[in-house]
PDB file of N, CA and C in Angstrom:
ATOM      1  N   MET A   1      -0.849  26.182 -94.088  1.00  0.00           N
ATOM      2  CA  MET A   1      -2.271  25.874 -94.341  1.00  0.00           C
ATOM      3  C   MET A   1      -2.912  24.861 -93.516  1.00  0.00           C
ATOM      4  N   SER A   2      -3.935  24.902 -93.066  1.00  0.00           N
ATOM      5  CA  SER A   2      -4.774  24.229 -92.226  1.00  0.00           C
ATOM      6  C   SER A   2      -6.179  23.807 -93.188  1.00  0.00           C
ATOM      7  N   LEU A   3      -6.139  22.347 -93.041  1.00  0.00           N
ATOM      8  CA  LEU A   3      -7.565  21.839 -93.949  1.00  0.00           C
ATOM      9  C   LEU A   3      -8.496  21.319 -92.742  1.00  0.00           C
ATOM     10  N   GLY A   4      -9.658  21.937 -92.784  1.00  0.00           N
ATOM     11  CA  GLY A   4     -10.732  21.319 -91.837  1.00  0.00           C
ATOM     12  C   GLY A   4     -11.173  20.050 -92.371  1.00  0.00           C
ATOM     13  N   LYS A   5     -11.797  19.431 -91.479  1.00  0.00           N
ATOM     14  CA  LYS A   5     -12.377  17.862 -91.825  1.00  0.00           C
ATOM     15  C   LYS A   5     -12.966  17.828 -93.134  1.00  0.00           C
ATOM     16  N   GLU A   6     -13.926  18.813 -93.546  1.00  0.00           N
ATOM     17  CA  GLU A   6     -14.580  18.675 -94.654  1.00  0.00           C
ATOM     18  C   GLU A   6     -13.717  19.107 -95.839  1.00  0.00           C
ATOM     19  N   ASN A   7     -12.919  20.082 -95.783  1.00  0.00           N
ATOM     20  CA  ASN A   7     -11.704  20.353 -96.744  1.00  0.00           C
ATOM     21  C   ASN A   7     -10.857  19.170 -97.116  1.00  0.00           C
ATOM     22  N   LEU A   8     -10.488  18.616 -95.926  1.00  0.00           N
ATOM     23  CA  LEU A   8      -9.533  17.377 -96.228  1.00  0.00           C
ATOM     24  C   LEU A   8     -10.528  16.250 -97.048  1.00  0.00           C
ATOM     25  N   ALA A   9     -11.729  15.970 -96.582  1.00  0.00           N
ATOM     26  CA  ALA A   9     -12.428  15.069 -97.446  1.00  0.00           C
ATOM     27  C   ALA A   9     -12.578  15.329 -98.913  1.00  0.00           C
ATOM     28  N   ASN A  10     -12.702  16.725 -99.147  1.00  0.00           N
ATOM     29  CA  ASN A  10     -12.683  17.064-100.493  1.00  0.00           C
ATOM     30  C   ASN A  10     -11.371  16.771-101.278  1.00  0.00           C
ATOM     31  N   PHE A  11     -10.275  17.279-100.534  1.00  0.00           N
ATOM     32  CA  PHE A  11      -9.016  17.173-100.951  1.00  0.00           C
ATOM     33  C   PHE A  11      -8.721  15.690-101.202  1.00  0.00           C
ATOM     34  N   CYS A  12      -9.245  14.782-100.424  1.00  0.00           N
ATOM     35  CA  CYS A  12      -8.842  13.478-100.624  1.00  0.00           C
ATOM     36  C   CYS A  12      -9.649  12.834-101.653  1.00  0.00           C
ATOM     37  N   GLN A  13     -10.604  13.393-102.371  1.00  0.00           N
ATOM     38  CA  GLN A  13     -11.466  12.758-103.364  1.00  0.00           C
ATOM     39  C   GLN A  13     -10.781  12.985-104.759  1.00  0.00           C
ATOM     40  N   THR A  14      -9.726  13.800-104.736  1.00  0.00           N
ATOM     41  CA  THR A  14      -9.015  13.660-106.061  1.00  0.00           C
ATOM     42  C   THR A  14      -8.271  12.314-106.320  1.00  0.00           C
ATOM     43  N   PRO A  15      -8.422  11.797-107.645  1.00  0.00           N
ATOM     44  CA  PRO A  15      -7.887  10.314-107.894  1.00  0.00           C
ATOM     45  C   PRO A  15      -6.418  10.161-107.341  1.00  0.00           C
ATOM     46  N   LEU A  16      -5.777  11.305-107.596  1.00  0.00           N
ATOM     47  CA  LEU A  16      -4.013  10.880-107.445  1.00  0.00           C
ATOM     48  C   LEU A  16      -4.172  10.819-106.065  1.00  0.00           C
ATOM     49  N   LEU A  17      -4.749  11.582-105.071  1.00  0.00           N
ATOM     50  CA  LEU A  17      -4.328  11.586-103.873  1.00  0.00           C
ATOM     51  C   LEU A  17      -5.205  10.699-102.655  1.00  0.00           C
ATOM     52  N   ALA A  18      -6.284  10.083-103.440  1.00  0.00           N
ATOM     53  CA  ALA A  18      -7.217   9.066-102.578  1.00  0.00           C
ATOM     54  C   ALA A  18      -6.366   8.117-101.876  1.00  0.00           C
ATOM     55  N   ASP A  19      -5.329   7.465-102.504  1.00  0.00           N
ATOM     56  CA  ASP A  19      -4.624   6.211-102.126  1.00  0.00           C
ATOM     57  C   ASP A  19      -3.658   6.768-100.972  1.00  0.00           C
ATOM     58  N   LEU A  20      -3.142   7.990-101.172  1.00  0.00           N
ATOM     59  CA  LEU A  20      -2.388   8.576-100.117  1.00  0.00           C
ATOM     60  C   LEU A  20      -2.984   9.003 -98.837  1.00  0.00           C
ATOM     61  N   CYS A  21      -4.123   9.566 -99.142  1.00  0.00           N
ATOM     62  CA  CYS A  21      -4.972   9.858 -97.800  1.00  0.00           C
ATOM     63  C   CYS A  21      -5.334   8.578 -97.060  1.00  0.00           C
ATOM     64  N   TYR A  22      -5.757   7.553 -97.880  1.00  0.00           N
ATOM     65  CA  TYR A  22      -6.398   6.468 -97.091  1.00  0.00           C
ATOM     66  C   TYR A  22      -5.205   5.861 -96.386  1.00  0.00           C
ATOM     67  N   THR A  23      -3.851   5.686 -97.047  1.00  0.00           N
ATOM     68  CA  THR A  23      -2.854   5.293 -96.318  1.00  0.00           C
ATOM     69  C   THR A  23      -2.360   5.948 -94.923  1.00  0.00           C
ATOM     70  N   PHE A  24      -2.512   7.383 -94.878  1.00  0.00           N
ATOM     71  CA  PHE A  24      -2.160   8.383 -93.827  1.00  0.00           C
ATOM     72  C   PHE A  24      -3.247   7.860 -92.757  1.00  0.00           C
ATOM     73  N   ILE A  25      -4.434   7.740 -93.055  1.00  0.00           N
ATOM     74  CA  ILE A  25      -5.692   7.633 -92.270  1.00  0.00           C
ATOM     75  C   ILE A  25      -5.443   6.364 -91.566  1.00  0.00           C
ATOM     76  N   MET A  26      -5.167   5.232 -92.405  1.00  0.00           N
ATOM     77  CA  MET A  26      -5.134   3.925 -91.858  1.00  0.00           C
ATOM     78  C   MET A  26      -3.679   3.873 -90.836  1.00  0.00           C
ATOM     79  N   ASP A  27      -2.740   4.517 -91.210  1.00  0.00           N
ATOM     80  CA  ASP A  27      -1.673   4.480 -90.445  1.00  0.00           C
ATOM     81  C   ASP A  27      -1.957   5.046 -88.978  1.00  0.00           C
ATOM     82  N   SER A  28      -2.619   6.167 -89.088  1.00  0.00           N
ATOM     83  CA  SER A  28      -2.940   6.849 -87.723  1.00  0.00           C
ATOM     84  C   SER A  28      -4.005   5.905 -86.914  1.00  0.00           C
ATOM     85  N   LYS A  29      -4.955   5.180 -87.564  1.00  0.00           N
ATOM     86  CA  LYS A  29      -5.694   4.371 -86.799  1.00  0.00           C
ATOM     87  C   LYS A  29      -5.052   3.117 -86.510  1.00  0.00           C
ATOM     88  N   GLN A  30      -4.122   2.503 -87.203  1.00  0.00           N
ATOM     89  CA  GLN A  30      -3.318   1.224 -86.938  1.00  0.00           C
ATOM     90  C   GLN A  30      -2.659   1.664 -85.537  1.00  0.00           C
ATOM     91  N   HIS A  31      -1.901   2.737 -85.388  1.00  0.00           N
ATOM     92  CA  HIS A  31      -1.537   3.186 -84.131  1.00  0.00           C
ATOM     93  C   HIS A  31      -2.400   3.141 -83.193  1.00  0.00           C
ATOM     94  N   ILE A  32      -3.468   3.477 -83.140  1.00  0.00           N
ATOM     95  CA  ILE A  32      -4.481   3.354 -81.965  1.00  0.00           C
ATOM     96  C   ILE A  32      -5.096   2.019 -81.874  1.00  0.00           C
ATOM     97  N   TRP A  33      -5.178   1.144 -82.992  1.00  0.00           N
ATOM     98  CA  TRP A  33      -5.765  -0.134 -82.939  1.00  0.00           C
ATOM     99  C   TRP A  33      -4.570  -0.836 -82.289  1.00  0.00           C
ATOM    100  N   GLN A  34      -3.329  -0.843 -82.244  1.00  0.00           N
ATOM    101  CA  GLN A  34      -2.362  -1.399 -81.651  1.00  0.00           C
ATOM    102  C   GLN A  34      -2.397  -1.208 -80.332  1.00  0.00           C
ATOM    103  N   ILE A  35      -2.583  -0.130 -79.654  1.00  0.00           N
ATOM    104  CA  ILE A  35      -2.729   0.128 -78.436  1.00  0.00           C
ATOM    105  C   ILE A  35      -3.843  -0.618 -77.716  1.00  0.00           C
ATOM    106  N   TRP A  36      -5.060  -0.493 -78.699  1.00  0.00           N
ATOM    107  CA  TRP A  36      -6.383  -1.404 -77.816  1.00  0.00           C
ATOM    108  C   TRP A  36      -5.794  -2.731 -77.950  1.00  0.00           C
ATOM    109  N   ALA A  37      -5.352  -3.412 -79.198  1.00  0.00           N
ATOM    110  CA  ALA A  37      -5.031  -4.587 -79.158  1.00  0.00           C
ATOM    111  C   ALA A  37      -4.024  -5.200 -77.968  1.00  0.00           C
ATOM    112  N   GLU A  38      -3.166  -4.308 -77.724  1.00  0.00           N
ATOM    113  CA  GLU A  38      -2.244  -4.658 -76.518  1.00  0.00           C
ATOM    114  C   GLU A  38      -3.087  -4.711 -75.219  1.00  0.00           C
ATOM    115  N   ASN A  39      -3.982  -3.678 -75.053  1.00  0.00           N
ATOM    116  CA  ASN A  39      -4.585  -3.621 -73.973  1.00  0.00           C
ATOM    117  C   ASN A  39      -5.541  -4.770 -73.787  1.00  0.00           C
ATOM    118  N   LEU A  40      -6.374  -5.155 -74.752  1.00  0.00           N
ATOM    119  CA  LEU A  40      -7.201  -6.214 -74.835  1.00  0.00           C
ATOM    120  C   LEU A  40      -6.595  -7.691 -74.608  1.00  0.00           C
ATOM    121  N   HIS A  41      -5.426  -7.518 -75.152  1.00  0.00           N
ATOM    122  CA  HIS A  41      -4.450  -8.949 -75.006  1.00  0.00           C
ATOM    123  C   HIS A  41      -4.020  -9.106 -73.437  1.00  0.00           C
ATOM    124  N   ARG A  42      -3.655  -7.905 -72.901  1.00  0.00           N
ATOM    125  CA  ARG A  42      -3.301  -7.925 -71.543  1.00  0.00           C
ATOM    126  C   ARG A  42      -4.340  -8.142 -70.567  1.00  0.00           C
ATOM    127  N   TRP A  43      -5.715  -7.820 -70.837  1.00  0.00           N
ATOM    128  CA  TRP A  43      -6.687  -8.041 -70.082  1.00  0.00           C
ATOM    129  C   TRP A  43      -7.540  -9.481 -70.450  1.00  0.00           C
ATOM    130  N   GLY A  44      -7.052 -10.111 -71.258  1.00  0.00           N
ATOM    131  CA  GLY A  44      -7.373 -11.283 -71.665  1.00  0.00           C
ATOM    132  C   GLY A  44      -8.779 -11.207 -72.462  1.00  0.00           C
ATOM    133  N   LEU A  45      -9.137 -10.225 -73.231  1.00  0.00           N
ATOM    134  CA  LEU A  45     -10.440  -9.752 -73.741  1.00  0.00           C
ATOM    135  C   LEU A  45     -10.322  -9.809 -75.313  1.00  0.00           C
ATOM    136  N   LYS A  46      -9.288 -10.045 -75.922  1.00  0.00           N
ATOM    137  CA  LYS A  46      -8.979  -9.896 -77.482  1.00  0.00           C
ATOM    138  C   LYS A  46      -9.856 -10.836 -78.018  1.00  0.00           C
ATOM    139  N   ASP A  47     -10.092 -12.003 -77.741  1.00  0.00           N
ATOM    140  CA  ASP A  47     -10.961 -12.961 -78.491  1.00  0.00           C
ATOM    141  C   ASP A  47     -12.208 -12.504 -78.198  1.00  0.00           C
ATOM    142  N   ILE A  48     -12.704 -12.217 -77.141  1.00  0.00           N
ATOM    143  CA  ILE A  48     -14.043 -12.097 -76.703  1.00  0.00           C
ATOM    144  C   ILE A  48     -14.519 -10.751 -77.497  1.00  0.00           C
ATOM    145  N   VAL A  49     -13.688  -9.937 -77.480  1.00  0.00           N
ATOM    146  CA  VAL A  49     -13.946  -8.473 -78.401  1.00  0.00           C
ATOM    147  C   VAL A  49     -14.234  -8.692 -79.815  1.00  0.00           C
ATOM    148  N   ALA A  50     -13.234  -9.669 -80.248  1.00  0.00           N
ATOM    149  CA  ALA A  50     -13.289  -9.856 -81.687  1.00  0.00           C
ATOM    150  C   ALA A  50     -14.806 -10.670 -82.032  1.00  0.00           C
ATOM    151  N   VAL A  51     -14.959 -11.415 -81.239  1.00  0.00           N
ATOM    152  CA  VAL A  51     -16.199 -12.276 -81.436  1.00  0.00           C
ATOM    153  C   VAL A  51     -17.453 -11.494 -81.213  1.00  0.00           C
ATOM    154  N   LEU A  52     -17.512 -10.512 -80.294  1.00  0.00           N
ATOM    155  CA  LEU A  52     -18.611  -9.709 -80.044  1.00  0.00           C
ATOM    156  C   LEU A  52     -18.635  -8.633 -81.179  1.00  0.00           C
ATOM    157  N   LEU A  53     -17.707  -8.021 -81.817  1.00  0.00           N
ATOM    158  CA  LEU A  53     -17.560  -7.000 -82.910  1.00  0.00           C
ATOM    159  C   LEU A  53     -18.127  -7.862 -84.203  1.00  0.00           C
ATOM    160  N   GLU A  54     -18.023  -9.082 -84.420  1.00  0.00           N
ATOM    161  CA  GLU A  54     -18.281  -9.891 -85.408  1.00  0.00           C
ATOM    162  C   GLU A  54     -19.950 -10.069 -85.295  1.00  0.00           C
ATOM    163  N   ALA A  55     -20.368 -10.593 -84.328  1.00  0.00           N
ATOM    164  CA  ALA A  55     -21.666 -10.996 -83.955  1.00  0.00           C
ATOM    165  C   ALA A  55     -22.730  -9.649 -83.627  1.00  0.00           C
ATOM    166  N   GLY A  56     -21.884  -8.523 -83.530  1.00  0.00           N
ATOM    167  CA  GLY A  56     -22.725  -7.398 -83.153  1.00  0.00           C
ATOM    168  C   GLY A  56     -23.651  -6.812 -84.597  1.00  0.00           C
ATOM    169  N   GLY A  57     -23.084  -7.045 -85.655  1.00  0.00           N
ATOM    170  CA  GLY A  57     -23.604  -6.834 -87.039  1.00  0.00           C
ATOM    171  C   GLY A  57     -24.113  -5.253 -86.985  1.00  0.00           C
ATOM    172  N   PRO A  58     -25.548  -5.105 -87.185  1.00  0.00           N
ATOM    173  CA  PRO A  58     -26.194  -3.783 -87.276  1.00  0.00           C
ATOM    174  C   PRO A  58     -26.223  -3.020 -85.772  1.00  0.00           C
ATOM    175  N   LEU A  59     -26.099  -4.040 -84.695  1.00  0.00           N
ATOM    176  CA  LEU A  59     -26.127  -3.393 -83.506  1.00  0.00           C
ATOM    177  C   LEU A  59     -24.992  -2.376 -83.242  1.00  0.00           C
ATOM    178  N   ASN A  60     -23.894  -2.853 -84.044  1.00  0.00           N
ATOM    179  CA  ASN A  60     -22.567  -2.022 -83.924  1.00  0.00           C
ATOM    180  C   ASN A  60     -22.830  -0.499 -84.195  1.00  0.00           C
ATOM    181  N   LEU A  61     -23.602  -0.241 -85.271  1.00  0.00           N
ATOM    182  CA  LEU A  61     -24.029   1.059 -85.466  1.00  0.00           C
ATOM    183  C   LEU A  61     -24.710   1.788 -84.445  1.00  0.00           C
ATOM    184  N   VAL A  62     -25.626   1.287 -83.714  1.00  0.00           N
ATOM    185  CA  VAL A  62     -26.306   1.790 -82.491  1.00  0.00           C
ATOM    186  C   VAL A  62     -25.372   2.007 -81.379  1.00  0.00           C
ATOM    187  N   PHE A  63     -24.386   1.034 -81.242  1.00  0.00           N
ATOM    188  CA  PHE A  63     -23.229   1.334 -80.090  1.00  0.00           C
ATOM    189  C   PHE A  63     -22.548   2.591 -80.557  1.00  0.00           C
ATOM    190  N   ALA A  64     -22.029   2.485 -81.792  1.00  0.00           N
ATOM    191  CA  ALA A  64     -21.310   3.932 -82.097  1.00  0.00           C
ATOM    192  C   ALA A  64     -22.055   5.168 -81.980  1.00  0.00           C
ATOM    193  N   GLN A  65     -23.550   5.227 -82.305  1.00  0.00           N
ATOM    194  CA  GLN A  65     -24.098   6.401 -81.976  1.00  0.00           C
ATOM    195  C   GLN A  65     -24.179   6.585 -80.469  1.00  0.00           C
ATOM    196  N   GLY A  66     -24.190   5.549 -79.608  1.00  0.00           N
ATOM    197  CA  GLY A  66     -24.398   5.822 -78.178  1.00  0.00           C
ATOM    198  C   GLY A  66     -23.032   6.426 -77.828  1.00  0.00           C
ATOM    199  N   LEU A  67     -21.893   5.949 -78.433  1.00  0.00           N
ATOM    200  CA  LEU A  67     -20.500   6.588 -78.089  1.00  0.00           C
ATOM    201  C   LEU A  67     -20.438   7.919 -78.108  1.00  0.00           C
ATOM    202  N   TYR A  68     -20.978   8.312 -79.332  1.00  0.00           N
ATOM    203  CA  TYR A  68     -21.111   9.910 -79.687  1.00  0.00           C
ATOM    204  C   TYR A  68     -21.884  10.616 -78.603  1.00  0.00           C
ATOM    205  N   LEU A  69     -22.803   9.931 -78.145  1.00  0.00           N
ATOM    206  CA  LEU A  69     -23.823  10.589 -77.099  1.00  0.00           C
ATOM    207  C   LEU A  69     -22.969  10.711 -75.917  1.00  0.00           C
ATOM    208  N   ILE A  70     -22.313   9.538 -75.445  1.00  0.00           N
ATOM    209  CA  ILE A  70     -21.764   9.741 -74.046  1.00  0.00           C
ATOM    210  C   ILE A  70     -20.380  10.361 -74.079  1.00  0.00           C
ATOM    211  N   GLN A  71     -19.733  10.609 -75.335  1.00  0.00           N
ATOM    212  CA  GLN A  71     -18.488  10.852 -75.357  1.00  0.00           C
ATOM    213  C   GLN A  71     -18.042  12.033 -74.417  1.00  0.00           C
ATOM    214  N   PRO A  72     -18.979  13.013 -74.199  1.00  0.00           N
ATOM    215  CA  PRO A  72     -18.493  14.230 -73.258  1.00  0.00           C
ATOM    216  C   PRO A  72     -18.254  13.620 -71.872  1.00  0.00           C
ATOM    217  N   LEU A  73     -18.772  12.590 -71.317  1.00  0.00           N
ATOM    218  CA  LEU A  73     -18.471  11.952 -70.077  1.00  0.00           C
ATOM    219  C   LEU A  73     -17.319  11.313 -69.818  1.00  0.00           C
ATOM    220  N   PHE A  74     -16.662  10.926 -71.042  1.00  0.00           N
ATOM    221  CA  PHE A  74     -15.383  10.316 -70.796  1.00  0.00           C
ATOM    222  C   PHE A  74     -14.229  11.022 -71.247  1.00  0.00           C
ATOM    223  N   THR A  75     -14.337  12.167 -71.659  1.00  0.00           N
ATOM    224  CA  THR A  75     -13.069  12.964 -72.120  1.00  0.00           C
ATOM    225  C   THR A  75     -11.865  13.233 -71.065  1.00  0.00           C
ATOM    226  N   THR A  76     -12.104  12.961 -69.971  1.00  0.00           N
ATOM    227  CA  THR A  76     -11.137  12.938 -68.910  1.00  0.00           C
ATOM    228  C   THR A  76     -10.446  11.612 -68.881  1.00  0.00           C
ATOM    229  N   SER A  77     -10.965  10.487 -69.157  1.00  0.00           N
ATOM    230  CA  SER A  77     -10.361   9.403 -68.973  1.00  0.00           C
ATOM    231  C   SER A  77      -9.994   8.559 -70.100  1.00  0.00           C
ATOM    232  N   VAL A  78     -10.577   9.041 -71.427  1.00  0.00           N
ATOM    233  CA  VAL A  78     -10.125   8.314 -72.643  1.00  0.00           C
ATOM    234  C   VAL A  78     -10.062   9.551 -73.535  1.00  0.00           C
ATOM    235  N   SER A  79      -9.037   9.385 -74.247  1.00  0.00           N
ATOM    236  CA  SER A  79      -9.100  10.564 -75.219  1.00  0.00           C
ATOM    237  C   SER A  79     -10.157  10.804 -76.448  1.00  0.00           C
ATOM    238  N   LYS A  80     -10.439  11.842 -76.733  1.00  0.00           N
ATOM    239  CA  LYS A  80     -11.500  12.116 -77.755  1.00  0.00           C
ATOM    240  C   LYS A  80     -11.274  11.145 -79.217  1.00  0.00           C
ATOM    241  N   LYS A  81      -9.952  11.235 -79.514  1.00  0.00           N
ATOM    242  CA  LYS A  81      -9.474  10.518 -80.687  1.00  0.00           C
ATOM    243  C   LYS A  81      -9.822   9.159 -80.627  1.00  0.00           C
ATOM    244  N   ASN A  82      -9.612   8.357 -79.464  1.00  0.00           N
ATOM    245  CA  ASN A  82      -9.727   7.020 -79.128  1.00  0.00           C
ATOM    246  C   ASN A  82     -11.292   6.828 -79.189  1.00  0.00           C
ATOM    247  N   LEU A  83     -12.105   7.538 -78.693  1.00  0.00           N
ATOM    248  CA  LEU A  83     -13.424   7.392 -78.789  1.00  0.00           C
ATOM    249  C   LEU A  83     -14.238   7.592 -80.237  1.00  0.00           C
ATOM    250  N   GLU A  84     -13.533   8.529 -80.857  1.00  0.00           N
ATOM    251  CA  GLU A  84     -14.068   8.744 -82.150  1.00  0.00           C
ATOM    252  C   GLU A  84     -13.487   7.610 -83.230  1.00  0.00           C
ATOM    253  N   THR A  85     -12.336   6.979 -82.884  1.00  0.00           N
ATOM    254  CA  THR A  85     -11.964   5.929 -83.769  1.00  0.00           C
ATOM    255  C   THR A  85     -12.622   4.990 -83.424  1.00  0.00           C
ATOM    256  N   LEU A  86     -13.083   4.556 -82.254  1.00  0.00           N
ATOM    257  CA  LEU A  86     -13.740   3.441 -81.826  1.00  0.00           C
ATOM    258  C   LEU A  86     -15.187   3.692 -82.473  1.00  0.00           C
ATOM    259  N   ALA A  87     -15.886   4.630 -82.424  1.00  0.00           N
ATOM    260  CA  ALA A  87     -17.222   4.767 -83.048  1.00  0.00           C
ATOM    261  C   ALA A  87     -17.021   4.696 -84.541  1.00  0.00           C
ATOM    262  N   GLU A  88     -16.101   5.050 -85.441  1.00  0.00           N
ATOM    263  CA  GLU A  88     -15.672   4.899 -86.768  1.00  0.00           C
ATOM    264  C   GLU A  88     -15.808   3.387 -87.075  1.00  0.00           C
ATOM    265  N   VAL A  89     -15.003   2.634 -86.159  1.00  0.00           N
ATOM    266  CA  VAL A  89     -14.829   1.378 -86.400  1.00  0.00           C
ATOM    267  C   VAL A  89     -16.279   0.581 -86.202  1.00  0.00           C
ATOM    268  N   LEU A  90     -17.156   0.831 -85.230  1.00  0.00           N
ATOM    269  CA  LEU A  90     -18.287   0.436 -85.200  1.00  0.00           C
ATOM    270  C   LEU A  90     -19.573   0.827 -86.145  1.00  0.00           C
ATOM    271  N   GLU A  91     -19.176   1.997 -86.791  1.00  0.00           N
ATOM    272  CA  GLU A  91     -19.965   2.611 -87.798  1.00  0.00           C
ATOM    273  C   GLU A  91     -19.881   1.789 -89.123  1.00  0.00           C
ATOM    274  N   SER A  92     -18.735   1.292 -89.514  1.00  0.00           N
ATOM    275  CA  SER A  92     -18.266   0.760 -90.792  1.00  0.00           C
ATOM    276  C   SER A  92     -18.175  -0.655 -90.519  1.00  0.00           C
ATOM    277  N   THR A  93     -18.811  -1.514 -91.431  1.00  0.00           N
ATOM    278  CA  THR A  93     -18.778  -3.037 -91.406  1.00  0.00           C
ATOM    279  C   THR A  93     -17.471  -3.359 -91.831  1.00  0.00           C
ATOM    280  N   GLU A  94     -16.992  -2.409 -92.909  1.00  0.00           N
ATOM    281  CA  GLU A  94     -15.608  -2.887 -93.323  1.00  0.00           C
ATOM    282  C   GLU A  94     -14.413  -2.643 -92.394  1.00  0.00           C
ATOM    283  N   GLU A  95     -14.589  -1.441 -91.882  1.00  0.00           N
ATOM    284  CA  GLU A  95     -13.526  -1.020 -90.556  1.00  0.00           C
ATOM    285  C   GLU A  95     -13.725  -2.118 -89.415  1.00  0.00           C
ATOM    286  N   THR A  96     -14.794  -2.563 -88.972  1.00  0.00           N
ATOM    287  CA  THR A  96     -15.081  -3.537 -88.280  1.00  0.00           C
ATOM    288  C   THR A  96     -14.428  -4.993 -88.504  1.00  0.00           C
ATOM    289  N   HIS A  97     -14.475  -5.296 -89.667  1.00  0.00           N
ATOM    290  CA  HIS A  97     -13.853  -6.408 -90.077  1.00  0.00           C
ATOM    291  C   HIS A  97     -12.263  -6.240 -90.213  1.00  0.00           C
ATOM    292  N   LEU A  98     -12.016  -5.207 -90.427  1.00  0.00           N
ATOM    293  CA  LEU A  98     -10.515  -4.840 -90.513  1.00  0.00           C
ATOM    294  C   LEU A  98     -10.066  -5.002 -89.111  1.00  0.00           C
ATOM    295  N   PHE A  99     -10.626  -4.294 -88.225  1.00  0.00           N
ATOM    296  CA  PHE A  99     -10.113  -4.433 -86.827  1.00  0.00           C
ATOM    297  C   PHE A  99     -10.381  -5.779 -86.380  1.00  0.00           C
ATOM    298  N   VAL A 100     -11.287  -6.493 -86.454  1.00  0.00           N
ATOM    299  CA  VAL A 100     -11.242  -7.991 -85.990  1.00  0.00           C
ATOM    300  C   VAL A 100     -10.087  -8.829 -86.537  1.00  0.00           C
ATOM    301  N   THR A 101      -9.764  -8.675 -87.964  1.00  0.00           N
ATOM    302  CA  THR A 101      -8.721  -9.108 -88.451  1.00  0.00           C
ATOM    303  C   THR A 101      -7.221  -8.706 -87.871  1.00  0.00           C
ATOM    304  N   PHE A 102      -7.351  -7.231 -87.404  1.00  0.00           N
ATOM    305  CA  PHE A 102      -6.145  -6.896 -86.906  1.00  0.00           C
ATOM    306  C   PHE A 102      -5.893  -7.591 -85.386  1.00  0.00           C
ATOM    307  N   LEU A 103      -7.216  -7.563 -84.707  1.00  0.00           N
ATOM    308  CA  LEU A 103      -6.969  -8.369 -83.389  1.00  0.00           C
ATOM    309  C   LEU A 103      -6.407  -9.734 -83.484  1.00  0.00           C
ATOM    310  N   ARG A 104      -6.987 -10.469 -84.344  1.00  0.00           N
ATOM    311  CA  ARG A 104      -6.613 -11.800 -84.625  1.00  0.00           C
ATOM    312  C   ARG A 104      -5.259 -12.106 -85.148  1.00  0.00           C
ATOM    313  N   GLU A 105      -4.774 -11.394 -86.232  1.00  0.00           N
ATOM    314  CA  GLU A 105      -3.487 -11.481 -86.814  1.00  0.00           C
ATOM    315  C   GLU A 105      -2.490 -10.450 -86.443  1.00  0.00           C
ATOM    316  N   GLY A 106      -2.744  -9.286 -85.893  1.00  0.00           N
ATOM    317  CA  GLY A 106      -1.637  -8.125 -85.367  1.00  0.00           C
ATOM    318  C   GLY A 106      -1.457  -7.447 -86.437  1.00  0.00           C
ATOM    319  N   SER A 107      -1.910  -7.642 -87.604  1.00  0.00           N
ATOM    320  CA  SER A 107      -1.521  -6.531 -88.695  1.00  0.00           C
ATOM    321  C   SER A 107      -2.534  -6.367 -89.583  1.00  0.00           C
ATOM    322  N   LEU A 108      -2.530  -5.476 -90.310  1.00  0.00           N
ATOM    323  CA  LEU A 108      -3.824  -5.287 -91.591  1.00  0.00           C
ATOM    324  C   LEU A 108      -3.386  -5.990 -92.891  1.00  0.00           C
ATOM    325  N   THR A 109      -2.000  -6.411 -92.977  1.00  0.00           N
ATOM    326  CA  THR A 109      -1.630  -7.080 -94.169  1.00  0.00           C
ATOM    327  C   THR A 109      -1.780  -8.546 -94.215  1.00  0.00           C
TER     328      THR A 109
END
């Protein structure tokens, strides 16, 4: 059985499954975040990116929308899932905060 994105969202609204779905989603994002953190650290940009994400505030939402618009241009060099995840981080202040914490501390706990 295949669940589409909309059906999965409805499926995850049930109280018993909400925590399980959240855990599954965060585990997959944490894997992507780990790759980003390693690359940013290697390039010496980890702290700069953390500061920019915190300072971006409402502009992060504008940047997220820009990512959705230019996404087709980068599909050969960057995976679609990476771009979507980055846009989701920028769209949500909670996820932005979690990612900044992840960059600084190396985990979500």
